[in-house]
Amino acid sequence: MKINPYKGFFLAVEGLDGSGSDKIASRVAKLLSAEGYPVVFTKEPTSGQIGRFIKKLIKERGGVSPLTLEYLFAADRAIQMEDRIIPSLKEGKIVVADRCLWSSIAYRSPYFHTHWLLEINDQFIIPDNTYFIDRLPLDCVKNIRKDEDELAIFQTESKLSEIREGYEWVGEKFEYCFDAIDPDDFEPKLAEEIIKRAKRHSKFPTSYIKTRSRA
């Protein structure tokens, strides 16, 4: 996997299904944009052809094989990386991602060796920093049941516990760019906490802040 070589800042928000990481990522992007930063928001799966097919498989079949999902997500990720993420980073923009390659590794780690998963994702740029919303699996299951729009691959506490172990492995191996956050410590201002931490990063841009006009 590749370190971001461009002047833009790549920020990702990760979490288990039902953790609320998607809503938090969206809020991070909106808050940064409101501050005057040039922000590009991305998510996985995308709204492109492959991304839509992934969503359809998950909703209609549910039991789609982990191998099929891994290759589909990798293909979807490759297109987004080439078409949106890299061009935005080259322009010096902040890319806020709702999920990234870490999801592939964590969600498929119960089925495949992590070295193979790293190899499949070897050509992708990793985020400058990732913020993992470390919500307990049981709480995530409760949230999934409440949210009819939740696109959840796994909906049991035992499965989500396995995936959480995958994220823990990622956090240990890539501790320099992976930050686990206990949501109970910062709710309801999780997005604000993520932005606060991101601004401490040496690569976070400071020259794009717009001066707000006084009323």
Protein backbone atom coordinates (compact mmCIF):
# COMPACT_ATOMS: atom_id res chain seq x y z
CA MET A 1 0.00 0.00 0.00
CA LYS A 2 1.11 3.52 -0.73
CA ILE A 3 1.60 6.58 1.43
CA ASN A 4 -0.18 9.64 0.08
CA PRO A 5 2.45 11.48 -2.04
CA TYR A 6 0.23 14.44 -2.88
CA LYS A 7 -0.30 17.78 -1.16
CA GLY A 8 -3.95 17.10 -0.28
CA PHE A 9 -5.06 15.50 2.99
CA PHE A 10 -6.77 12.08 2.97
CA LEU A 11 -9.01 11.48 6.00
CA ALA A 12 -11.14 8.37 6.52
CA VAL A 13 -13.82 7.42 9.04
CA GLU A 14 -14.33 3.72 9.74
CA GLY A 15 -16.58 1.64 11.95
CA LEU A 16 -18.67 -1.49 12.24
CA ASP A 17 -22.07 -1.70 10.57
CA GLY A 18 -24.40 0.19 12.89
CA SER A 19 -21.64 2.31 14.43
CA GLY A 20 -22.90 5.49 12.79
CA SER A 21 -19.56 6.06 11.08
CA ASP A 22 -21.28 7.01 7.82
CA LYS A 23 -23.21 9.87 9.43
CA ILE A 24 -20.13 11.04 11.31
CA ALA A 25 -18.02 11.06 8.12
CA SER A 26 -20.67 13.11 6.35
CA ARG A 27 -20.76 15.61 9.21
CA VAL A 28 -16.96 15.90 9.23
CA ALA A 29 -17.05 16.79 5.53
CA LYS A 30 -19.81 19.36 6.04
CA LEU A 31 -18.09 21.02 9.00
CA LEU A 32 -14.76 21.29 7.19
CA SER A 33 -16.49 22.67 4.12
CA ALA A 34 -18.28 25.24 6.29
CA GLU A 35 -14.88 26.36 7.60
CA GLY A 36 -13.79 27.10 4.05
CA TYR A 37 -11.71 24.05 3.24
CA PRO A 38 -12.04 22.49 -0.24
CA VAL A 39 -13.56 19.12 0.62
CA VAL A 40 -14.37 16.06 -1.48
CA PHE A 41 -16.58 13.45 0.18
CA THR A 42 -16.35 9.81 -0.88
CA LYS A 43 -17.87 6.58 0.36
CA GLU A 44 -17.68 2.84 -0.17
CA PRO A 45 -19.42 1.28 -1.91
CA THR A 46 -19.71 4.15 -4.39
CA SER A 47 -22.73 5.26 -6.38
CA GLY A 48 -21.03 4.03 -9.57
CA GLN A 49 -21.98 0.95 -11.56
CA ILE A 50 -19.94 -1.50 -9.48
CA GLY A 51 -20.92 0.17 -6.22
CA ARG A 52 -24.61 -0.08 -7.07
CA PHE A 53 -24.14 -3.75 -7.96
CA ILE A 54 -22.49 -4.38 -4.57
CA LYS A 55 -25.43 -2.78 -2.76
CA LYS A 56 -27.87 -4.83 -4.81
CA LEU A 57 -26.05 -8.08 -4.00
CA ILE A 58 -25.95 -7.32 -0.28
CA LYS A 59 -29.62 -6.34 -0.10
CA GLU A 60 -31.02 -9.06 -2.36
CA ARG A 61 -28.76 -12.00 -1.59
CA GLY A 62 -27.13 -11.21 1.70
CA GLY A 63 -25.08 -14.41 1.52
CA VAL A 64 -22.78 -13.25 -1.29
CA SER A 65 -19.37 -14.85 -0.84
CA PRO A 66 -16.53 -12.94 0.87
CA LEU A 67 -14.28 -13.60 -2.14
CA THR A 68 -16.79 -12.05 -4.55
CA LEU A 69 -17.22 -9.04 -2.26
CA GLU A 70 -13.48 -8.51 -1.92
CA TYR A 71 -12.87 -8.37 -5.65
CA LEU A 72 -15.92 -6.18 -6.25
CA PHE A 73 -14.95 -3.72 -3.53
CA ALA A 74 -11.37 -3.61 -4.84
CA ALA A 75 -12.63 -2.82 -8.35
CA ASP A 76 -15.02 -0.17 -7.05
CA ARG A 77 -12.22 1.32 -4.95
CA ALA A 78 -9.78 1.39 -7.88
CA ILE A 79 -12.16 3.41 -10.04
CA GLN A 80 -12.88 5.90 -7.28
CA MET A 81 -9.19 6.20 -6.44
CA GLU A 82 -8.29 6.99 -10.05
CA ASP A 83 -11.27 9.19 -10.89
CA ARG A 84 -11.86 11.16 -7.68
CA ILE A 85 -9.43 10.64 -4.84
CA ILE A 86 -6.07 11.04 -6.57
CA PRO A 87 -7.13 14.04 -8.71
CA SER A 88 -8.52 15.74 -5.58
CA LEU A 89 -5.36 15.08 -3.57
CA LYS A 90 -3.23 16.42 -6.41
CA GLU A 91 -5.24 19.64 -6.26
CA GLY A 92 -4.53 19.95 -2.55
CA LYS A 93 -8.08 19.22 -1.42
CA ILE A 94 -9.20 17.36 1.70
CA VAL A 95 -10.74 13.98 0.88
CA VAL A 96 -13.10 12.74 3.58
CA ALA A 97 -13.90 9.07 3.07
CA ASP A 98 -16.75 7.09 4.56
CA ARG A 99 -14.86 3.77 4.62
CA CYS A 100 -11.74 2.83 2.70
CA LEU A 101 -9.50 -0.21 2.21
CA TRP A 102 -9.43 -0.87 5.97
CA SER A 103 -13.04 -2.08 5.71
CA SER A 104 -11.99 -4.74 3.21
CA ILE A 105 -9.28 -6.00 5.51
CA ALA A 106 -11.41 -5.98 8.66
CA TYR A 107 -14.56 -7.43 7.12
CA ARG A 108 -12.80 -10.19 5.19
CA SER A 109 -10.20 -11.03 7.87
CA PRO A 110 -12.40 -13.83 9.32
CA TYR A 111 -12.18 -15.59 5.92
CA PHE A 112 -8.75 -14.80 4.45
CA HIS A 113 -5.21 -14.32 5.65
CA THR A 114 -4.49 -10.65 6.29
CA HIS A 115 -1.35 -10.83 4.13
CA TRP A 116 -3.48 -11.74 1.11
CA LEU A 117 -5.91 -8.92 1.87
CA LEU A 118 -3.02 -6.48 2.11
CA GLU A 119 -1.72 -7.74 -1.22
CA ILE A 120 -5.11 -7.26 -2.95
CA ASN A 121 -5.14 -3.66 -1.73
CA ASP A 122 -1.44 -3.08 -2.29
CA GLN A 123 -1.81 -0.45 -5.02
CA PHE A 124 -4.15 1.84 -3.10
CA ILE A 125 -3.18 5.00 -1.24
CA ILE A 126 -3.86 4.69 2.47
CA PRO A 127 -5.45 7.66 4.28
CA ASP A 128 -3.13 10.07 6.07
CA ASN A 129 -5.21 9.29 9.12
CA THR A 130 -8.21 7.07 9.83
CA TYR A 131 -10.62 7.52 12.71
CA PHE A 132 -12.29 4.30 13.83
CA ILE A 133 -15.56 4.72 15.72
CA ASP A 134 -15.08 1.94 18.27
CA ARG A 135 -18.70 1.25 19.22
CA LEU A 136 -19.48 -2.06 20.93
CA PRO A 137 -20.85 -4.78 18.60
CA LEU A 138 -24.02 -5.22 20.69
CA ASP A 139 -24.83 -1.51 20.40
CA CYS A 140 -24.19 -1.70 16.64
CA VAL A 141 -26.66 -4.59 16.28
CA LYS A 142 -29.32 -2.55 18.09
CA ASN A 143 -28.71 0.41 15.76
CA ILE A 144 -28.92 -1.80 12.66
CA ARG A 145 -32.33 -3.08 13.72
CA LYS A 146 -33.58 0.48 14.20
CA ASP A 147 -32.28 1.81 10.88
CA GLU A 148 -34.07 0.31 7.90
CA ASP A 149 -31.69 2.06 5.49
CA GLU A 150 -28.57 0.56 7.07
CA LEU A 151 -26.56 -1.39 4.48
CA ALA A 152 -25.28 -4.09 6.81
CA ILE A 153 -23.37 -7.15 5.68
CA PHE A 154 -23.32 -8.71 9.13
CA GLN A 155 -26.04 -8.19 11.72
CA THR A 156 -25.03 -10.41 14.63
CA GLU A 157 -22.93 -9.55 17.63
CA SER A 158 -20.60 -12.53 17.11
CA LYS A 159 -19.83 -11.60 13.49
CA LEU A 160 -19.29 -7.94 14.33
CA SER A 161 -16.98 -8.98 17.17
CA GLU A 162 -14.84 -10.89 14.66
CA ILE A 163 -14.71 -7.86 12.38
CA ARG A 164 -13.79 -5.63 15.30
CA GLU A 165 -10.79 -7.90 15.87
CA GLY A 166 -9.85 -7.24 12.25
CA TYR A 167 -9.92 -3.52 12.89
CA GLU A 168 -7.82 -4.02 16.01
CA TRP A 169 -5.23 -5.82 13.88
CA VAL A 170 -5.20 -2.90 11.44
CA GLY A 171 -4.82 -0.46 14.33
CA GLU A 172 -1.82 -2.35 15.71
CA LYS A 173 -0.07 -2.73 12.35
CA PHE A 174 -0.78 0.80 11.14
CA GLU A 175 -0.87 2.63 14.45
CA TYR A 176 0.87 5.67 12.93
CA CYS A 177 -2.24 6.46 10.85
CA PHE A 178 -5.11 4.70 12.63
CA ASP A 179 -6.88 6.30 15.58
CA ALA A 180 -9.58 4.42 17.53
CA ILE A 181 -12.14 6.66 19.25
CA ASP A 182 -14.51 5.60 22.03
CA PRO A 183 -17.75 7.34 20.98
CA ASP A 184 -19.04 7.45 24.56
CA ASP A 185 -16.25 9.89 25.43
CA PHE A 186 -17.19 12.50 22.83
CA GLU A 187 -20.82 12.17 21.78
CA PRO A 188 -22.63 14.15 20.52
CA LYS A 189 -19.55 15.94 19.15
CA LEU A 190 -17.65 13.07 17.57
CA ALA A 191 -17.20 14.86 14.24
CA GLU A 192 -15.76 17.90 16.00
CA GLU A 193 -13.31 15.69 17.88
CA ILE A 194 -12.17 14.05 14.64
CA ILE A 195 -11.55 17.45 13.06
CA LYS A 196 -9.65 18.57 16.14
CA ARG A 197 -7.37 15.54 15.89
CA ALA A 198 -6.97 15.85 12.11
CA LYS A 199 -5.80 19.44 12.45
CA ARG A 200 -2.90 18.24 14.59
CA HIS A 201 -1.56 16.21 11.67
CA SER A 202 1.52 17.77 10.11
CA LYS A 203 0.05 17.41 6.63
CA PHE A 204 -3.32 18.98 7.35
CA PRO A 205 -3.67 22.08 5.13
CA THR A 206 -3.96 25.47 6.79
CA SER A 207 -3.80 27.83 3.84
CA TYR A 208 -7.37 27.31 2.62
CA ILE A 209 -9.23 28.72 5.60
CA LYS A 210 -11.46 31.52 4.39
CA THR A 211 -11.97 34.64 6.46
CA ARG A 212 -15.62 34.85 7.33
CA SER A 213 -17.26 38.14 6.53
CA ARG A 214 -18.80 39.95 9.45
CA ALA A 215 -22.51 40.58 9.37
